[in-house]
Amino acid sequence: MQDAHANGDGGASALHPDEYALFAQVATPRPVEAGQRLFRRGDAGAVMYVVAGGAVHLDFGDDLVGKRLGPRAFFGELGLLIGDHARSADAIVAEAGELLELGREEFEALARRDPVLLAQFLRRAIMRVVLNEQALIARLRRRNKELEEALEALRSTTHRLDQTEALTRTDELTGLTNRRGFAAHIEQRYAGGGLEGHTLILVDCDRFKSINDTYGHLAGDRVLQSVANLLRAVAGADDIVCRMGGDEFCLLLRGHTRDEAERIAGYIADSARMLERMHNRPPQMTSLSIGACMIDHAPEGGWDHWYAQADDALYRAKRQGGDRVEWMG
């Protein structure tokens, strides 16, 4: 089997030499032996790997084509970017060698050392995820063609019904949940036992009116889409991302400690800052003001109380010049 450069991803799974040199400075080296299993499909992962020497085989199961990854190839990045992400393949060492292991601490060190290079890597990594998911969908569709044809009439009807309902709860520009859909999520969570253990993060674009006035509304739309993509990238399966309206967004995290939530909010602000510097003529991102609060009990005011808390923190961030995270409580 060929290495990652020849497995349909155009070499996107391999670090560029300058990226590899940067990652090697902060990563933890890990010697590995042939036949060693790194993780299984379905395992929760929070670590990314880079092949320094030897080779790793990824087995996706279900008759899907596997991949053999050679030097400078990286894998498992969703576990790092999202946190506790379910692995999509079995990873087995095909040839003895050495891996570079990067967790959240090492990733934050990368952001401090070379934010521009890291942002370049993140864009390619996110695009790789999108392309891989599209390729997987295409393969599954080919394998299940006969079944799809038999169920086409029923699926078409169901799709139209789902699409009609989804459109009423989805923001057309960004594809995120809109305010109406977010309210429905909140009702469901209250019905399921409340919101204790959640973190509410409100995000507002700095100087957004100036972008619209200077570069036009198409540029403003691109900025909003970039913010949406960033929030979508950090949200876990149980989290909710919403465009509340205008240039205000909301992220509701579930099951995170205060320290974890602070790292996520800081990562959002840091990433936006890096992307703004990379693409500023015309702008494709802007710095962000972020207000947040932990939901740790059920006050008399209910949801409105917590939203007001996060909103107060957000406006404190705006009053202090933006490009910062402020917490209430």
C-alpha atoms as a PDB file:
ATOM      1  CA  MET A   1       0.000   0.000   0.000  1.00  0.00           C
ATOM      2  CA  GLN A   2       1.228   3.493  -0.818  1.00  0.00           C
ATOM      3  CA  ASP A   3       1.760   6.214   1.773  1.00  0.00           C
ATOM      4  CA  ALA A   4      -0.650   9.053   2.561  1.00  0.00           C
ATOM      5  CA  HIS A   5       0.491  11.094  -0.440  1.00  0.00           C
ATOM      6  CA  ALA A   6      -1.118   8.601  -2.781  1.00  0.00           C
ATOM      7  CA  ASN A   7      -4.304   7.761  -0.980  1.00  0.00           C
ATOM      8  CA  GLY A   8      -6.611  10.299  -2.456  1.00  0.00           C
ATOM      9  CA  ASP A   9      -5.902  13.264  -0.172  1.00  0.00           C
ATOM     10  CA  GLY A  10      -3.292  14.947  -2.364  1.00  0.00           C
ATOM     11  CA  GLY A  11      -0.643  14.880   0.354  1.00  0.00           C
ATOM     12  CA  ALA A  12      -2.816  17.000   2.672  1.00  0.00           C
ATOM     13  CA  SER A  13      -2.150  14.535   5.517  1.00  0.00           C
ATOM     14  CA  ALA A  14       1.588  15.311   5.575  1.00  0.00           C
ATOM     15  CA  LEU A  15       3.189  18.282   7.316  1.00  0.00           C
ATOM     16  CA  HIS A  16       5.247  20.694   5.268  1.00  0.00           C
ATOM     17  CA  PRO A  17       8.932  20.720   6.265  1.00  0.00           C
ATOM     18  CA  ASP A  18       8.647  24.002   8.165  1.00  0.00           C
ATOM     19  CA  GLU A  19       5.529  22.737   9.962  1.00  0.00           C
ATOM     20  CA  TYR A  20       7.256  19.491  10.872  1.00  0.00           C
ATOM     21  CA  ALA A  21      10.257  21.373  12.265  1.00  0.00           C
ATOM     22  CA  LEU A  22       7.953  23.488  14.438  1.00  0.00           C
ATOM     23  CA  PHE A  23       5.907  20.521  15.676  1.00  0.00           C
ATOM     24  CA  ALA A  24       9.057  18.558  16.488  1.00  0.00           C
ATOM     25  CA  GLN A  25      10.196  21.342  18.836  1.00  0.00           C
ATOM     26  CA  VAL A  26       7.258  20.883  21.231  1.00  0.00           C
ATOM     27  CA  ALA A  27       5.943  17.337  20.645  1.00  0.00           C
ATOM     28  CA  THR A  28       6.685  14.354  22.882  1.00  0.00           C
ATOM     29  CA  PRO A  29       8.681  11.651  21.016  1.00  0.00           C
ATOM     30  CA  ARG A  30       7.214   8.155  21.336  1.00  0.00           C
ATOM     31  CA  PRO A  31       9.112   5.059  20.118  1.00  0.00           C
ATOM     32  CA  VAL A  32       6.760   2.432  18.636  1.00  0.00           C
ATOM     33  CA  GLU A  33       7.107  -1.203  17.573  1.00  0.00           C
ATOM     34  CA  ALA A  34       5.613  -2.967  14.561  1.00  0.00           C
ATOM     35  CA  GLY A  35       2.179  -4.393  15.364  1.00  0.00           C
ATOM     36  CA  GLN A  36       1.561  -1.974  18.239  1.00  0.00           C
ATOM     37  CA  ARG A  37      -2.024  -0.670  18.355  1.00  0.00           C
ATOM     38  CA  LEU A  38      -2.267   3.060  19.034  1.00  0.00           C
ATOM     39  CA  PHE A  39      -6.052   3.253  19.288  1.00  0.00           C
ATOM     40  CA  ARG A  40      -9.257   1.567  18.078  1.00  0.00           C
ATOM     41  CA  ARG A  41     -12.245   2.882  16.228  1.00  0.00           C
ATOM     42  CA  GLY A  42     -14.657   4.480  18.663  1.00  0.00           C
ATOM     43  CA  ASP A  43     -12.004   5.262  21.286  1.00  0.00           C
ATOM     44  CA  ALA A  44     -12.196   8.809  22.642  1.00  0.00           C
ATOM     45  CA  GLY A  45      -9.060  10.655  21.573  1.00  0.00           C
ATOM     46  CA  ALA A  46      -7.502  13.941  22.634  1.00  0.00           C
ATOM     47  CA  VAL A  47      -4.044  13.534  21.072  1.00  0.00           C
ATOM     48  CA  MET A  48      -2.647  14.097  17.571  1.00  0.00           C
ATOM     49  CA  TYR A  49       0.279  12.123  16.130  1.00  0.00           C
ATOM     50  CA  VAL A  50       2.948  12.849  13.520  1.00  0.00           C
ATOM     51  CA  VAL A  51       5.011  10.029  12.005  1.00  0.00           C
ATOM     52  CA  ALA A  52       8.693  10.830  12.566  1.00  0.00           C
ATOM     53  CA  GLY A  53       9.959   7.438  11.405  1.00  0.00           C
ATOM     54  CA  GLY A  54       8.483   4.098  10.378  1.00  0.00           C
ATOM     55  CA  ALA A  55       4.887   3.780   9.203  1.00  0.00           C
ATOM     56  CA  VAL A  56       1.345   3.569  10.600  1.00  0.00           C
ATOM     57  CA  HIS A  57      -1.633   1.800   9.048  1.00  0.00           C
ATOM     58  CA  LEU A  58      -5.156   3.210   9.480  1.00  0.00           C
ATOM     59  CA  ASP A  59      -7.974   0.661   9.136  1.00  0.00           C
ATOM     60  CA  PHE A  60     -11.411   2.266   8.707  1.00  0.00           C
ATOM     61  CA  GLY A  61     -13.265  -1.067   8.585  1.00  0.00           C
ATOM     62  CA  ASP A  62     -16.482  -1.748   6.679  1.00  0.00           C
ATOM     63  CA  ASP A  63     -14.509  -2.654   3.540  1.00  0.00           C
ATOM     64  CA  LEU A  64     -13.216   0.914   3.269  1.00  0.00           C
ATOM     65  CA  VAL A  65      -9.747   1.497   1.847  1.00  0.00           C
ATOM     66  CA  GLY A  66      -7.125   1.862   4.559  1.00  0.00           C
ATOM     67  CA  LYS A  67      -4.137   4.204   4.569  1.00  0.00           C
ATOM     68  CA  ARG A  68      -0.439   3.707   5.167  1.00  0.00           C
ATOM     69  CA  LEU A  69       1.121   6.825   6.638  1.00  0.00           C
ATOM     70  CA  GLY A  70       4.843   7.515   6.291  1.00  0.00           C
ATOM     71  CA  PRO A  71       7.198  10.192   7.648  1.00  0.00           C
ATOM     72  CA  ARG A  72       5.705  13.653   8.295  1.00  0.00           C
ATOM     73  CA  ALA A  73       2.154  12.305   7.952  1.00  0.00           C
ATOM     74  CA  PHE A  74      -0.200  13.377  10.750  1.00  0.00           C
ATOM     75  CA  PHE A  75      -3.366  11.740  12.056  1.00  0.00           C
ATOM     76  CA  GLY A  76      -5.781  11.956  14.972  1.00  0.00           C
ATOM     77  CA  GLU A  77      -5.970  15.751  14.745  1.00  0.00           C
ATOM     78  CA  LEU A  78      -9.725  15.860  15.454  1.00  0.00           C
ATOM     79  CA  GLY A  79      -9.092  14.395  18.878  1.00  0.00           C
ATOM     80  CA  LEU A  80      -6.840  17.375  19.592  1.00  0.00           C
ATOM     81  CA  LEU A  81      -8.936  20.099  17.967  1.00  0.00           C
ATOM     82  CA  ILE A  82     -12.300  18.937  19.294  1.00  0.00           C
ATOM     83  CA  GLY A  83     -11.357  16.970  22.403  1.00  0.00           C
ATOM     84  CA  ASP A  84     -12.500  13.415  23.232  1.00  0.00           C
ATOM     85  CA  HIS A  85     -13.398  12.884  19.579  1.00  0.00           C
ATOM     86  CA  ALA A  86     -14.352   9.313  18.678  1.00  0.00           C
ATOM     87  CA  ARG A  87     -11.595   7.792  16.540  1.00  0.00           C
ATOM     88  CA  SER A  88     -12.763   6.802  13.051  1.00  0.00           C
ATOM     89  CA  ALA A  89     -10.127   4.094  12.448  1.00  0.00           C
ATOM     90  CA  ASP A  90      -7.893   1.520  14.081  1.00  0.00           C
ATOM     91  CA  ALA A  91      -4.292   2.813  14.111  1.00  0.00           C
ATOM     92  CA  ILE A  92      -1.611   0.099  14.043  1.00  0.00           C
ATOM     93  CA  VAL A  93       2.146   0.549  13.697  1.00  0.00           C
ATOM     94  CA  ALA A  94       3.173  -1.013  10.361  1.00  0.00           C
ATOM     95  CA  GLU A  95       6.915  -0.373  10.699  1.00  0.00           C
ATOM     96  CA  ALA A  96       8.838   0.307  13.911  1.00  0.00           C
ATOM     97  CA  GLY A  97       9.889   3.904  14.318  1.00  0.00           C
ATOM     98  CA  GLU A  98       8.972   7.005  16.263  1.00  0.00           C
ATOM     99  CA  LEU A  99       5.873   9.176  16.562  1.00  0.00           C
ATOM    100  CA  LEU A 100       5.535  12.766  17.720  1.00  0.00           C
ATOM    101  CA  GLU A 101       2.654  13.082  20.175  1.00  0.00           C
ATOM    102  CA  LEU A 102       0.850  16.415  20.667  1.00  0.00           C
ATOM    103  CA  GLY A 103      -1.770  17.133  23.289  1.00  0.00           C
ATOM    104  CA  ARG A 104      -3.488  20.392  24.235  1.00  0.00           C
ATOM    105  CA  GLU A 105      -0.428  21.786  26.048  1.00  0.00           C
ATOM    106  CA  GLU A 106       1.846  21.208  23.078  1.00  0.00           C
ATOM    107  CA  PHE A 107      -0.779  22.709  20.749  1.00  0.00           C
ATOM    108  CA  GLU A 108      -0.958  25.857  22.849  1.00  0.00           C
ATOM    109  CA  ALA A 109       2.846  26.022  22.768  1.00  0.00           C
ATOM    110  CA  LEU A 110       2.683  25.893  18.960  1.00  0.00           C
ATOM    111  CA  ALA A 111       0.257  28.829  18.966  1.00  0.00           C
ATOM    112  CA  ARG A 112       2.679  30.867  21.036  1.00  0.00           C
ATOM    113  CA  ARG A 113       5.740  30.000  18.937  1.00  0.00           C
ATOM    114  CA  ASP A 114       4.394  30.512  15.439  1.00  0.00           C
ATOM    115  CA  PRO A 115       0.676  31.403  15.221  1.00  0.00           C
ATOM    116  CA  VAL A 116       0.816  32.078  11.483  1.00  0.00           C
ATOM    117  CA  LEU A 117       2.282  28.681  10.638  1.00  0.00           C
ATOM    118  CA  LEU A 118      -0.158  26.969  12.981  1.00  0.00           C
ATOM    119  CA  ALA A 119      -3.095  28.761  11.380  1.00  0.00           C
ATOM    120  CA  GLN A 120      -1.858  27.549   7.976  1.00  0.00           C
ATOM    121  CA  PHE A 121      -1.815  23.995   9.291  1.00  0.00           C
ATOM    122  CA  LEU A 122      -5.293  24.324  10.825  1.00  0.00           C
ATOM    123  CA  ARG A 123      -6.828  25.462   7.558  1.00  0.00           C
ATOM    124  CA  ARG A 124      -5.378  22.463   5.729  1.00  0.00           C
ATOM    125  CA  ALA A 125      -6.391  20.077   8.494  1.00  0.00           C
ATOM    126  CA  ILE A 126      -9.987  21.307   8.504  1.00  0.00           C
ATOM    127  CA  MET A 127     -10.148  21.093   4.717  1.00  0.00           C
ATOM    128  CA  ARG A 128      -8.814  17.529   4.898  1.00  0.00           C
ATOM    129  CA  VAL A 129     -11.605  16.578   7.291  1.00  0.00           C
ATOM    130  CA  VAL A 130     -14.188  18.026   4.912  1.00  0.00           C
ATOM    131  CA  LEU A 131     -12.722  16.234   1.891  1.00  0.00           C
ATOM    132  CA  ASN A 132     -12.426  12.920   3.759  1.00  0.00           C
ATOM    133  CA  GLU A 133     -16.032  13.118   4.903  1.00  0.00           C
ATOM    134  CA  GLN A 134     -17.165  13.859   1.354  1.00  0.00           C
ATOM    135  CA  ALA A 135     -15.153  10.917   0.031  1.00  0.00           C
ATOM    136  CA  LEU A 136     -16.578   8.614   2.705  1.00  0.00           C
ATOM    137  CA  ILE A 137     -20.126   9.649   1.840  1.00  0.00           C
ATOM    138  CA  ALA A 138     -19.430   9.014  -1.846  1.00  0.00           C
ATOM    139  CA  ARG A 139     -18.084   5.498  -1.143  1.00  0.00           C
ATOM    140  CA  LEU A 140     -21.017   4.624   1.069  1.00  0.00           C
ATOM    141  CA  ARG A 141     -23.461   5.830  -1.553  1.00  0.00           C
ATOM    142  CA  ARG A 142     -21.843   3.647  -4.214  1.00  0.00           C
ATOM    143  CA  ARG A 143     -21.949   0.580  -1.960  1.00  0.00           C
ATOM    144  CA  ASN A 144     -25.597   1.080  -1.059  1.00  0.00           C
ATOM    145  CA  LYS A 145     -26.931   2.107  -4.451  1.00  0.00           C
ATOM    146  CA  GLU A 146     -29.513  -0.667  -4.719  1.00  0.00           C
ATOM    147  CA  LEU A 147     -30.877   0.035  -1.258  1.00  0.00           C
ATOM    148  CA  GLU A 148     -31.011   3.754  -1.952  1.00  0.00           C
ATOM    149  CA  GLU A 149     -33.018   3.177  -5.131  1.00  0.00           C
ATOM    150  CA  ALA A 150     -35.525   0.993  -3.266  1.00  0.00           C
ATOM    151  CA  LEU A 151     -36.019   3.632  -0.584  1.00  0.00           C
ATOM    152  CA  GLU A 152     -35.771   6.714  -2.818  1.00  0.00           C
ATOM    153  CA  ALA A 153     -39.439   7.662  -2.750  1.00  0.00           C
ATOM    154  CA  LEU A 154     -39.679   7.434   1.037  1.00  0.00           C
ATOM    155  CA  ARG A 155     -36.363   9.229   1.557  1.00  0.00           C
ATOM    156  CA  SER A 156     -37.324  12.008  -0.839  1.00  0.00           C
ATOM    157  CA  THR A 157     -40.513  12.683   1.078  1.00  0.00           C
ATOM    158  CA  THR A 158     -38.698  12.558   4.421  1.00  0.00           C
ATOM    159  CA  HIS A 159     -35.993  14.869   3.123  1.00  0.00           C
ATOM    160  CA  ARG A 160     -38.495  17.492   2.040  1.00  0.00           C
ATOM    161  CA  LEU A 161     -40.155  17.412   5.439  1.00  0.00           C
ATOM    162  CA  ASP A 162     -36.825  17.578   7.281  1.00  0.00           C
ATOM    163  CA  GLN A 163     -35.564  20.363   5.047  1.00  0.00           C
ATOM    164  CA  THR A 164     -38.663  22.447   5.660  1.00  0.00           C
ATOM    165  CA  GLU A 165     -38.276  22.073   9.422  1.00  0.00           C
ATOM    166  CA  ALA A 166     -34.503  22.613   9.312  1.00  0.00           C
ATOM    167  CA  LEU A 167     -34.821  25.832   7.315  1.00  0.00           C
ATOM    168  CA  THR A 168     -36.921  27.366  10.077  1.00  0.00           C
ATOM    169  CA  ARG A 169     -34.149  26.612  12.590  1.00  0.00           C
ATOM    170  CA  THR A 170     -31.030  27.251  10.489  1.00  0.00           C
ATOM    171  CA  ASP A 171     -29.195  30.464   9.656  1.00  0.00           C
ATOM    172  CA  GLU A 172     -29.049  30.694   5.871  1.00  0.00           C
ATOM    173  CA  LEU A 173     -25.668  32.464   5.650  1.00  0.00           C
ATOM    174  CA  THR A 174     -23.607  30.306   8.042  1.00  0.00           C
ATOM    175  CA  GLY A 175     -25.528  27.042   8.258  1.00  0.00           C
ATOM    176  CA  LEU A 176     -25.534  27.291  12.055  1.00  0.00           C
ATOM    177  CA  THR A 177     -28.557  26.969  14.269  1.00  0.00           C
ATOM    178  CA  ASN A 178     -30.469  30.263  14.363  1.00  0.00           C
ATOM    179  CA  ARG A 179     -32.046  31.926  17.395  1.00  0.00           C
ATOM    180  CA  ARG A 180     -35.288  29.987  16.961  1.00  0.00           C
ATOM    181  CA  GLY A 181     -33.470  26.667  16.718  1.00  0.00           C
ATOM    182  CA  PHE A 182     -31.327  27.567  19.715  1.00  0.00           C
ATOM    183  CA  ALA A 183     -34.417  28.273  21.798  1.00  0.00           C
ATOM    184  CA  ALA A 184     -35.752  24.829  20.863  1.00  0.00           C
ATOM    185  CA  HIS A 185     -32.471  23.231  22.014  1.00  0.00           C
ATOM    186  CA  ILE A 186     -32.705  25.070  25.329  1.00  0.00           C
ATOM    187  CA  GLU A 187     -36.257  23.822  25.870  1.00  0.00           C
ATOM    188  CA  GLN A 188     -35.144  20.249  25.176  1.00  0.00           C
ATOM    189  CA  ARG A 189     -32.263  20.490  27.641  1.00  0.00           C
ATOM    190  CA  TYR A 190     -34.497  21.916  30.338  1.00  0.00           C
ATOM    191  CA  ALA A 191     -36.932  19.066  29.731  1.00  0.00           C
ATOM    192  CA  GLY A 192     -34.016  16.628  30.045  1.00  0.00           C
ATOM    193  CA  GLY A 193     -32.977  17.865  33.473  1.00  0.00           C
ATOM    194  CA  GLY A 194     -31.765  21.450  33.164  1.00  0.00           C
ATOM    195  CA  LEU A 195     -28.567  23.214  32.124  1.00  0.00           C
ATOM    196  CA  GLU A 196     -26.366  22.704  35.180  1.00  0.00           C
ATOM    197  CA  GLY A 197     -22.865  21.760  34.043  1.00  0.00           C
ATOM    198  CA  HIS A 198     -23.093  23.866  30.878  1.00  0.00           C
ATOM    199  CA  THR A 199     -21.017  26.895  29.886  1.00  0.00           C
ATOM    200  CA  LEU A 200     -22.532  29.766  27.908  1.00  0.00           C
ATOM    201  CA  ILE A 201     -20.154  31.663  25.604  1.00  0.00           C
ATOM    202  CA  LEU A 202     -21.304  34.722  23.649  1.00  0.00           C
ATOM    203  CA  VAL A 203     -19.130  35.920  20.750  1.00  0.00           C
ATOM    204  CA  ASP A 204     -19.279  39.302  19.027  1.00  0.00           C
ATOM    205  CA  CYS A 205     -17.212  40.482  16.033  1.00  0.00           C
ATOM    206  CA  ASP A 206     -15.034  43.517  16.687  1.00  0.00           C
ATOM    207  CA  ARG A 207     -15.309  46.459  14.277  1.00  0.00           C
ATOM    208  CA  PHE A 208     -17.756  44.565  12.083  1.00  0.00           C
ATOM    209  CA  LYS A 209     -19.586  47.698  10.915  1.00  0.00           C
ATOM    210  CA  SER A 210     -16.268  49.153   9.757  1.00  0.00           C
ATOM    211  CA  ILE A 211     -15.622  46.039   7.640  1.00  0.00           C
ATOM    212  CA  ASN A 212     -19.025  46.347   5.990  1.00  0.00           C
ATOM    213  CA  ASP A 213     -18.588  50.084   5.393  1.00  0.00           C
ATOM    214  CA  THR A 214     -15.047  49.761   4.027  1.00  0.00           C
ATOM    215  CA  TYR A 215     -15.136  46.511   2.042  1.00  0.00           C
ATOM    216  CA  GLY A 216     -18.836  45.895   1.440  1.00  0.00           C
ATOM    217  CA  HIS A 217     -21.361  43.386   2.709  1.00  0.00           C
ATOM    218  CA  LEU A 218     -19.886  40.449   0.796  1.00  0.00           C
ATOM    219  CA  ALA A 219     -16.691  40.846   2.809  1.00  0.00           C
ATOM    220  CA  GLY A 220     -18.775  41.094   5.964  1.00  0.00           C
ATOM    221  CA  ASP A 221     -20.558  37.867   5.038  1.00  0.00           C
ATOM    222  CA  ARG A 222     -17.213  36.102   4.561  1.00  0.00           C
ATOM    223  CA  VAL A 223     -16.134  37.195   8.035  1.00  0.00           C
ATOM    224  CA  LEU A 224     -19.359  35.857   9.567  1.00  0.00           C
ATOM    225  CA  GLN A 225     -18.872  32.542   7.759  1.00  0.00           C
ATOM    226  CA  SER A 226     -15.284  32.329   9.024  1.00  0.00           C
ATOM    227  CA  VAL A 227     -16.414  32.904  12.616  1.00  0.00           C
ATOM    228  CA  ALA A 228     -19.089  30.236  12.168  1.00  0.00           C
ATOM    229  CA  ASN A 229     -16.515  27.765  10.833  1.00  0.00           C
ATOM    230  CA  LEU A 230     -14.191  28.437  13.769  1.00  0.00           C
ATOM    231  CA  LEU A 231     -16.942  27.867  16.338  1.00  0.00           C
ATOM    232  CA  ARG A 232     -18.139  24.787  14.495  1.00  0.00           C
ATOM    233  CA  ALA A 233     -14.597  23.389  14.559  1.00  0.00           C
ATOM    234  CA  VAL A 234     -14.273  23.648  18.349  1.00  0.00           C
ATOM    235  CA  ALA A 235     -17.789  22.443  19.207  1.00  0.00           C
ATOM    236  CA  GLY A 236     -18.208  18.880  20.429  1.00  0.00           C
ATOM    237  CA  ALA A 237     -21.067  16.512  19.669  1.00  0.00           C
ATOM    238  CA  ASP A 238     -23.064  17.682  22.721  1.00  0.00           C
ATOM    239  CA  ASP A 239     -22.357  21.391  22.214  1.00  0.00           C
ATOM    240  CA  ILE A 240     -24.611  23.873  20.413  1.00  0.00           C
ATOM    241  CA  VAL A 241     -23.356  26.617  18.068  1.00  0.00           C
ATOM    242  CA  CYS A 242     -25.742  29.378  17.075  1.00  0.00           C
ATOM    243  CA  ARG A 243     -25.778  32.642  15.167  1.00  0.00           C
ATOM    244  CA  MET A 244     -28.012  34.769  17.347  1.00  0.00           C
ATOM    245  CA  GLY A 245     -28.281  37.489  14.693  1.00  0.00           C
ATOM    246  CA  GLY A 246     -26.097  40.161  13.103  1.00  0.00           C
ATOM    247  CA  ASP A 247     -22.494  39.581  14.174  1.00  0.00           C
ATOM    248  CA  GLU A 248     -23.332  37.851  17.469  1.00  0.00           C
ATOM    249  CA  PHE A 249     -22.814  34.137  17.995  1.00  0.00           C
ATOM    250  CA  CYS A 250     -23.378  31.742  20.855  1.00  0.00           C
ATOM    251  CA  LEU A 251     -21.642  28.526  21.935  1.00  0.00           C
ATOM    252  CA  LEU A 252     -23.222  26.356  24.642  1.00  0.00           C
ATOM    253  CA  LEU A 253     -20.724  23.826  25.997  1.00  0.00           C
ATOM    254  CA  ARG A 254     -21.829  20.769  27.883  1.00  0.00           C
ATOM    255  CA  GLY A 255     -19.872  18.875  30.525  1.00  0.00           C
ATOM    256  CA  HIS A 256     -16.735  21.036  30.711  1.00  0.00           C
ATOM    257  CA  THR A 257     -14.891  22.255  33.789  1.00  0.00           C
ATOM    258  CA  ARG A 258     -14.163  25.966  34.216  1.00  0.00           C
ATOM    259  CA  ASP A 259     -10.528  25.422  33.187  1.00  0.00           C
ATOM    260  CA  GLU A 260     -11.558  23.486  30.066  1.00  0.00           C
ATOM    261  CA  ALA A 261     -14.118  26.127  29.097  1.00  0.00           C
ATOM    262  CA  GLU A 262     -11.553  28.893  29.605  1.00  0.00           C
ATOM    263  CA  ARG A 263      -9.116  27.086  27.304  1.00  0.00           C
ATOM    264  CA  ILE A 264     -11.787  26.723  24.626  1.00  0.00           C
ATOM    265  CA  ALA A 265     -12.794  30.389  24.838  1.00  0.00           C
ATOM    266  CA  GLY A 266      -9.138  31.451  24.766  1.00  0.00           C
ATOM    267  CA  TYR A 267      -8.479  29.206  21.776  1.00  0.00           C
ATOM    268  CA  ILE A 268     -11.372  30.820  19.877  1.00  0.00           C
ATOM    269  CA  ALA A 269     -10.021  34.318  20.546  1.00  0.00           C
ATOM    270  CA  ASP A 270      -6.430  33.320  19.700  1.00  0.00           C
ATOM    271  CA  SER A 271      -7.422  31.569  16.464  1.00  0.00           C
ATOM    272  CA  ALA A 272      -9.520  34.517  15.295  1.00  0.00           C
ATOM    273  CA  ARG A 273      -6.605  36.841  15.981  1.00  0.00           C
ATOM    274  CA  MET A 274      -4.232  34.667  13.954  1.00  0.00           C
ATOM    275  CA  LEU A 275      -6.619  34.340  11.027  1.00  0.00           C
ATOM    276  CA  GLU A 276      -7.274  38.077  11.025  1.00  0.00           C
ATOM    277  CA  ARG A 277      -3.562  38.756  10.635  1.00  0.00           C
ATOM    278  CA  MET A 278      -3.218  36.226   7.843  1.00  0.00           C
ATOM    279  CA  HIS A 279      -6.130  37.503   5.742  1.00  0.00           C
ATOM    280  CA  ASN A 280      -6.745  41.219   6.106  1.00  0.00           C
ATOM    281  CA  ARG A 281      -6.925  42.643   2.564  1.00  0.00           C
ATOM    282  CA  PRO A 282      -9.832  42.173   2.231  1.00  0.00           C
ATOM    283  CA  PRO A 283     -10.531  40.781   5.702  1.00  0.00           C
ATOM    284  CA  GLN A 284     -11.821  37.238   6.070  1.00  0.00           C
ATOM    285  CA  MET A 285     -11.799  37.261   9.861  1.00  0.00           C
ATOM    286  CA  THR A 286     -11.891  39.805  12.659  1.00  0.00           C
ATOM    287  CA  SER A 287     -10.884  39.744  16.291  1.00  0.00           C
ATOM    288  CA  LEU A 288     -13.601  38.679  18.715  1.00  0.00           C
ATOM    289  CA  SER A 289     -15.041  39.907  21.984  1.00  0.00           C
ATOM    290  CA  ILE A 290     -16.182  37.003  24.157  1.00  0.00           C
ATOM    291  CA  GLY A 291     -18.337  36.939  27.273  1.00  0.00           C
ATOM    292  CA  ALA A 292     -18.896  33.738  29.211  1.00  0.00           C
ATOM    293  CA  CYS A 293     -20.397  32.270  32.356  1.00  0.00           C
ATOM    294  CA  MET A 294     -20.699  28.863  33.987  1.00  0.00           C
ATOM    295  CA  ILE A 295     -24.223  27.558  34.580  1.00  0.00           C
ATOM    296  CA  ASP A 296     -23.960  25.939  37.998  1.00  0.00           C
ATOM    297  CA  HIS A 297     -27.477  26.166  39.443  1.00  0.00           C
ATOM    298  CA  ALA A 298     -31.091  26.898  38.511  1.00  0.00           C
ATOM    299  CA  PRO A 299     -31.834  30.556  39.384  1.00  0.00           C
ATOM    300  CA  GLU A 300     -35.307  32.023  39.590  1.00  0.00           C
ATOM    301  CA  GLY A 301     -34.791  33.850  36.321  1.00  0.00           C
ATOM    302  CA  GLY A 302     -33.986  30.616  34.464  1.00  0.00           C
ATOM    303  CA  TRP A 303     -32.276  30.836  31.086  1.00  0.00           C
ATOM    304  CA  ASP A 304     -32.714  34.621  30.841  1.00  0.00           C
ATOM    305  CA  HIS A 305     -30.598  35.039  33.973  1.00  0.00           C
ATOM    306  CA  TRP A 306     -27.635  33.168  32.492  1.00  0.00           C
ATOM    307  CA  TYR A 307     -27.916  34.887  29.130  1.00  0.00           C
ATOM    308  CA  ALA A 308     -27.852  38.272  30.881  1.00  0.00           C
ATOM    309  CA  GLN A 309     -24.753  37.196  32.843  1.00  0.00           C
ATOM    310  CA  ALA A 310     -22.841  36.233  29.687  1.00  0.00           C
ATOM    311  CA  ASP A 311     -24.113  39.356  27.888  1.00  0.00           C
ATOM    312  CA  ASP A 312     -22.802  41.606  30.674  1.00  0.00           C
ATOM    313  CA  ALA A 313     -19.393  39.903  30.385  1.00  0.00           C
ATOM    314  CA  LEU A 314     -19.468  40.368  26.609  1.00  0.00           C
ATOM    315  CA  TYR A 315     -20.131  44.085  26.846  1.00  0.00           C
ATOM    316  CA  ARG A 316     -17.368  44.434  29.429  1.00  0.00           C
ATOM    317  CA  ALA A 317     -15.022  42.868  26.854  1.00  0.00           C
ATOM    318  CA  LYS A 318     -16.273  45.315  24.194  1.00  0.00           C
ATOM    319  CA  ARG A 319     -15.833  48.311  26.483  1.00  0.00           C
ATOM    320  CA  GLN A 320     -12.225  47.290  27.153  1.00  0.00           C
ATOM    321  CA  GLY A 321     -11.392  47.400  23.451  1.00  0.00           C
ATOM    322  CA  GLY A 322     -12.440  43.919  22.329  1.00  0.00           C
ATOM    323  CA  ASP A 323     -10.183  41.029  21.299  1.00  0.00           C
ATOM    324  CA  ARG A 324     -10.498  39.478  24.751  1.00  0.00           C
ATOM    325  CA  VAL A 325     -12.460  37.029  26.899  1.00  0.00           C
ATOM    326  CA  GLU A 326     -14.367  38.165  29.978  1.00  0.00           C
ATOM    327  CA  TRP A 327     -16.089  35.895  32.506  1.00  0.00           C
ATOM    328  CA  MET A 328     -19.024  36.572  34.797  1.00  0.00           C
ATOM    329  CA  GLY A 329     -18.745  34.844  38.139  1.00  0.00           C
END
